[in-house]
Amino acid sequence: MRFESRPSHSSSYSSSGYAGGDSGKNPGLRRVFSDIVMIAFWGAMIPGFLWIGNAAGF
């Protein structure tokens, strides 16, 4: 099997807007918004699980 030494553009990291041909370009507003929503969602899960556990008597 022969391996190429050039970088592949099929990786999800390079196609996400954070790296690639325009590495100096800022990520798009949609990508930043989705990251903030994901962090807020996961941050809300911790007190949510604690509240559900407390309500269940654990």
Protein backbone atom coordinates (compact mmCIF):
# COMPACT_ATOMS: atom_id res chain seq x y z
CA MET A 1 0.00 0.00 0.00
CA ARG A 2 1.37 3.41 -0.95
CA PHE A 3 0.86 6.46 1.26
CA GLU A 4 0.82 10.03 0.00
CA SER A 5 2.86 12.64 1.84
CA ARG A 6 0.49 15.51 1.05
CA PRO A 7 -2.21 16.42 3.58
CA SER A 8 -5.66 15.05 3.02
CA HIS A 9 -8.65 17.37 2.88
CA SER A 10 -11.11 14.66 3.94
CA SER A 11 -10.66 15.10 7.68
CA SER A 12 -13.60 16.58 9.57
CA TYR A 13 -11.29 18.95 11.47
CA SER A 14 -9.92 20.57 8.33
CA SER A 15 -13.36 20.90 6.75
CA SER A 16 -14.96 22.38 9.87
CA GLY A 17 -13.62 25.89 9.28
CA TYR A 18 -10.95 25.90 11.98
CA ALA A 19 -8.07 24.73 9.78
CA GLY A 20 -7.42 24.29 6.12
CA GLY A 21 -6.42 26.48 3.23
CA ASP A 22 -7.55 29.68 4.96
CA SER A 23 -6.11 28.92 8.40
CA GLY A 24 -5.93 32.65 9.26
CA LYS A 25 -9.66 33.10 8.68
CA ASN A 26 -11.98 33.20 11.68
CA PRO A 27 -14.59 30.43 11.96
CA GLY A 28 -18.03 31.25 10.65
CA LEU A 29 -20.73 32.71 12.84
CA ARG A 30 -22.85 29.55 12.49
CA ARG A 31 -19.94 27.41 13.77
CA VAL A 32 -19.32 29.71 16.75
CA PHE A 33 -23.04 29.77 17.60
CA SER A 34 -23.30 25.97 17.44
CA ASP A 35 -20.25 25.63 19.72
CA ILE A 36 -21.77 28.01 22.28
CA VAL A 37 -25.12 26.18 22.19
CA MET A 38 -23.38 22.82 22.64
CA ILE A 39 -21.37 24.08 25.64
CA ALA A 40 -24.50 25.60 27.21
CA PHE A 41 -26.42 22.35 26.68
CA TRP A 42 -23.74 20.21 28.30
CA GLY A 43 -23.35 22.77 31.11
CA ALA A 44 -27.07 22.57 31.84
CA MET A 45 -27.01 18.77 31.94
CA ILE A 46 -24.95 18.62 35.16
CA PRO A 47 -27.35 20.56 37.42
CA GLY A 48 -30.24 18.88 35.63
CA PHE A 49 -29.00 15.41 36.52
CA LEU A 50 -28.28 16.55 40.08
CA TRP A 51 -31.82 17.91 40.39
CA ILE A 52 -33.38 14.74 38.98
CA GLY A 53 -31.25 12.61 41.31
CA ASN A 54 -32.25 14.71 44.29
CA ALA A 55 -35.92 14.55 43.34
CA ALA A 56 -35.66 10.76 43.01
CA GLY A 57 -34.16 10.49 46.50
CA PHE A 58 -30.55 9.70 45.67
